[in-house]
Amino acid sequence: METNVNKAFGKRVAELRKQAGYSQEQFAFKCGVDRTYVGVVERGEKSPTLNTIEKIAYALGVSKSELFNY
């Protein structure tokens, strides 16, 4: 479900992913999730689980709290 929090989080993930130089496909592989899932999260259509948030932070080389710094 799209919410303001989901959209802000997704925008932040997309921003950090692009800064790291990853395509959505490369990033999905690094996170161990499906490529389409990355797009859904980045558009704010779904909330990732805590486990997925941890995978995203690890793949980006940032702390979990940094993902919420938007």
N, C-alpha and C. Protein backbone atom coordinates (compact mmCIF):
# COMPACT_ATOMS: atom_id res chain seq x y z
N MET A 1 0.84 -1.18 0.00
CA MET A 1 0.00 0.00 0.00
C MET A 1 0.88 1.24 0.00
N GLU A 2 0.59 2.16 -0.91
CA GLU A 2 1.36 3.39 -1.00
C GLU A 2 1.01 4.31 0.16
N THR A 3 2.05 4.74 0.86
CA THR A 3 1.89 5.73 1.92
C THR A 3 3.03 6.72 1.76
N ASN A 4 2.94 7.83 2.47
CA ASN A 4 4.02 8.82 2.40
C ASN A 4 5.34 8.24 2.91
N VAL A 5 5.26 7.42 3.95
CA VAL A 5 6.48 6.81 4.50
C VAL A 5 7.09 5.85 3.48
N ASN A 6 6.25 5.03 2.84
CA ASN A 6 6.75 4.10 1.82
C ASN A 6 7.40 4.86 0.67
N LYS A 7 6.77 5.92 0.24
CA LYS A 7 7.30 6.71 -0.88
C LYS A 7 8.63 7.36 -0.50
N ALA A 8 8.71 7.92 0.68
CA ALA A 8 9.96 8.57 1.12
C ALA A 8 11.07 7.54 1.26
N PHE A 9 10.75 6.38 1.83
CA PHE A 9 11.75 5.33 1.99
C PHE A 9 12.22 4.85 0.62
N GLY A 10 11.28 4.61 -0.28
CA GLY A 10 11.63 4.15 -1.62
C GLY A 10 12.49 5.15 -2.37
N LYS A 11 12.16 6.42 -2.24
CA LYS A 11 12.95 7.47 -2.89
C LYS A 11 14.38 7.48 -2.34
N ARG A 12 14.50 7.28 -1.04
CA ARG A 12 15.83 7.25 -0.40
C ARG A 12 16.64 6.05 -0.88
N VAL A 13 16.00 4.89 -0.97
CA VAL A 13 16.70 3.70 -1.46
C VAL A 13 17.16 3.92 -2.89
N ALA A 14 16.30 4.46 -3.73
CA ALA A 14 16.65 4.73 -5.13
C ALA A 14 17.83 5.70 -5.22
N GLU A 15 17.78 6.73 -4.40
CA GLU A 15 18.85 7.73 -4.37
C GLU A 15 20.20 7.10 -4.00
N LEU A 16 20.20 6.30 -2.94
CA LEU A 16 21.44 5.66 -2.50
C LEU A 16 21.92 4.61 -3.49
N ARG A 17 20.97 3.89 -4.10
CA ARG A 17 21.33 2.88 -5.11
C ARG A 17 22.02 3.54 -6.29
N LYS A 18 21.47 4.64 -6.76
CA LYS A 18 22.05 5.35 -7.90
C LYS A 18 23.42 5.93 -7.55
N GLN A 19 23.55 6.46 -6.33
CA GLN A 19 24.85 6.98 -5.89
C GLN A 19 25.90 5.88 -5.87
N ALA A 20 25.47 4.67 -5.53
CA ALA A 20 26.40 3.53 -5.49
C ALA A 20 26.69 2.99 -6.88
N GLY A 21 25.94 3.44 -7.88
CA GLY A 21 26.19 3.04 -9.26
C GLY A 21 25.57 1.72 -9.67
N TYR A 22 24.54 1.29 -8.96
CA TYR A 22 23.86 0.03 -9.28
C TYR A 22 22.62 0.26 -10.12
N SER A 23 22.41 -0.62 -11.09
CA SER A 23 21.11 -0.68 -11.74
C SER A 23 20.16 -1.39 -10.78
N GLN A 24 18.88 -1.35 -11.05
CA GLN A 24 17.94 -2.07 -10.19
C GLN A 24 18.25 -3.57 -10.21
N GLU A 25 18.60 -4.08 -11.37
CA GLU A 25 18.89 -5.51 -11.49
C GLU A 25 20.14 -5.89 -10.69
N GLN A 26 21.20 -5.11 -10.80
CA GLN A 26 22.43 -5.38 -10.04
C GLN A 26 22.16 -5.30 -8.54
N PHE A 27 21.40 -4.30 -8.16
CA PHE A 27 21.10 -4.09 -6.75
C PHE A 27 20.25 -5.23 -6.20
N ALA A 28 19.27 -5.65 -6.96
CA ALA A 28 18.42 -6.77 -6.53
C ALA A 28 19.26 -8.02 -6.31
N PHE A 29 20.19 -8.29 -7.22
CA PHE A 29 21.06 -9.46 -7.08
C PHE A 29 21.89 -9.34 -5.81
N LYS A 30 22.44 -8.17 -5.57
CA LYS A 30 23.27 -7.95 -4.38
C LYS A 30 22.46 -8.11 -3.09
N CYS A 31 21.17 -7.73 -3.13
CA CYS A 31 20.30 -7.85 -1.96
C CYS A 31 19.70 -9.25 -1.82
N GLY A 32 19.71 -10.01 -2.89
CA GLY A 32 19.09 -11.33 -2.86
C GLY A 32 17.58 -11.28 -2.96
N VAL A 33 17.08 -10.28 -3.71
CA VAL A 33 15.63 -10.16 -3.93
C VAL A 33 15.38 -10.08 -5.44
N ASP A 34 14.14 -10.22 -5.82
CA ASP A 34 13.77 -10.13 -7.23
C ASP A 34 13.88 -8.69 -7.73
N ARG A 35 14.26 -8.54 -8.98
CA ARG A 35 14.44 -7.22 -9.58
C ARG A 35 13.15 -6.41 -9.52
N THR A 36 12.03 -7.05 -9.76
CA THR A 36 10.75 -6.32 -9.74
C THR A 36 10.43 -5.82 -8.34
N TYR A 37 10.89 -6.53 -7.32
CA TYR A 37 10.63 -6.11 -5.93
C TYR A 37 11.33 -4.79 -5.63
N VAL A 38 12.54 -4.61 -6.16
CA VAL A 38 13.26 -3.35 -5.94
C VAL A 38 12.44 -2.18 -6.50
N GLY A 39 11.88 -2.35 -7.68
CA GLY A 39 11.05 -1.30 -8.27
C GLY A 39 9.82 -0.99 -7.45
N VAL A 40 9.19 -2.03 -6.93
CA VAL A 40 7.99 -1.86 -6.11
C VAL A 40 8.32 -1.08 -4.84
N VAL A 41 9.44 -1.41 -4.21
CA VAL A 41 9.87 -0.71 -2.99
C VAL A 41 10.22 0.74 -3.33
N GLU A 42 10.98 0.94 -4.39
CA GLU A 42 11.41 2.29 -4.75
C GLU A 42 10.23 3.20 -5.12
N ARG A 43 9.18 2.63 -5.65
CA ARG A 43 7.99 3.43 -5.98
C ARG A 43 7.08 3.62 -4.78
N GLY A 44 7.39 2.98 -3.67
CA GLY A 44 6.60 3.14 -2.46
C GLY A 44 5.33 2.32 -2.45
N GLU A 45 5.28 1.29 -3.28
CA GLU A 45 4.08 0.47 -3.38
C GLU A 45 4.02 -0.62 -2.31
N LYS A 46 5.16 -0.97 -1.74
CA LYS A 46 5.21 -1.99 -0.69
C LYS A 46 6.20 -1.58 0.38
N SER A 47 5.94 -2.07 1.59
CA SER A 47 6.87 -1.88 2.71
C SER A 47 7.76 -3.10 2.81
N PRO A 48 9.07 -2.91 2.77
CA PRO A 48 9.95 -4.06 2.94
C PRO A 48 9.94 -4.54 4.39
N THR A 49 10.21 -5.82 4.59
CA THR A 49 10.31 -6.36 5.94
C THR A 49 11.60 -5.87 6.58
N LEU A 50 11.72 -6.05 7.87
CA LEU A 50 12.95 -5.68 8.57
C LEU A 50 14.14 -6.44 8.02
N ASN A 51 13.94 -7.71 7.68
CA ASN A 51 15.03 -8.51 7.11
C ASN A 51 15.48 -7.92 5.78
N THR A 52 14.54 -7.49 4.96
CA THR A 52 14.89 -6.89 3.68
C THR A 52 15.56 -5.54 3.87
N ILE A 53 15.10 -4.76 4.83
CA ILE A 53 15.76 -3.48 5.13
C ILE A 53 17.22 -3.72 5.50
N GLU A 54 17.46 -4.75 6.28
CA GLU A 54 18.84 -5.09 6.65
C GLU A 54 19.66 -5.47 5.42
N LYS A 55 19.09 -6.24 4.50
CA LYS A 55 19.78 -6.62 3.27
C LYS A 55 20.09 -5.40 2.41
N ILE A 56 19.12 -4.49 2.33
CA ILE A 56 19.30 -3.26 1.53
C ILE A 56 20.44 -2.42 2.11
N ALA A 57 20.43 -2.23 3.42
CA ALA A 57 21.48 -1.44 4.07
C ALA A 57 22.85 -2.07 3.85
N TYR A 58 22.93 -3.39 4.01
CA TYR A 58 24.21 -4.09 3.82
C TYR A 58 24.69 -3.93 2.38
N ALA A 59 23.79 -4.11 1.43
CA ALA A 59 24.16 -4.01 0.01
C ALA A 59 24.65 -2.60 -0.35
N LEU A 60 24.11 -1.60 0.32
CA LEU A 60 24.50 -0.22 0.06
C LEU A 60 25.69 0.23 0.91
N GLY A 61 26.04 -0.57 1.90
CA GLY A 61 27.15 -0.21 2.77
C GLY A 61 26.82 0.94 3.71
N VAL A 62 25.55 1.01 4.11
CA VAL A 62 25.12 2.06 5.04
C VAL A 62 24.43 1.41 6.24
N SER A 63 24.26 2.19 7.29
CA SER A 63 23.52 1.69 8.44
C SER A 63 22.03 1.68 8.12
N LYS A 64 21.29 0.89 8.86
CA LYS A 64 19.84 0.85 8.67
C LYS A 64 19.23 2.23 8.93
N SER A 65 19.75 2.92 9.92
CA SER A 65 19.20 4.24 10.22
C SER A 65 19.45 5.23 9.08
N GLU A 66 20.54 5.05 8.34
CA GLU A 66 20.83 5.94 7.22
C GLU A 66 19.75 5.83 6.14
N LEU A 67 19.13 4.67 6.01
CA LEU A 67 18.06 4.50 5.02
C LEU A 67 16.86 5.38 5.35
N PHE A 68 16.71 5.72 6.62
CA PHE A 68 15.56 6.52 7.05
C PHE A 68 15.91 8.00 7.20
N ASN A 69 17.07 8.38 6.71
CA ASN A 69 17.52 9.76 6.80
C ASN A 69 17.08 10.52 5.54
N TYR A 70 15.77 10.75 5.45
CA TYR A 70 15.22 11.44 4.28
C TYR A 70 14.54 12.68 4.66
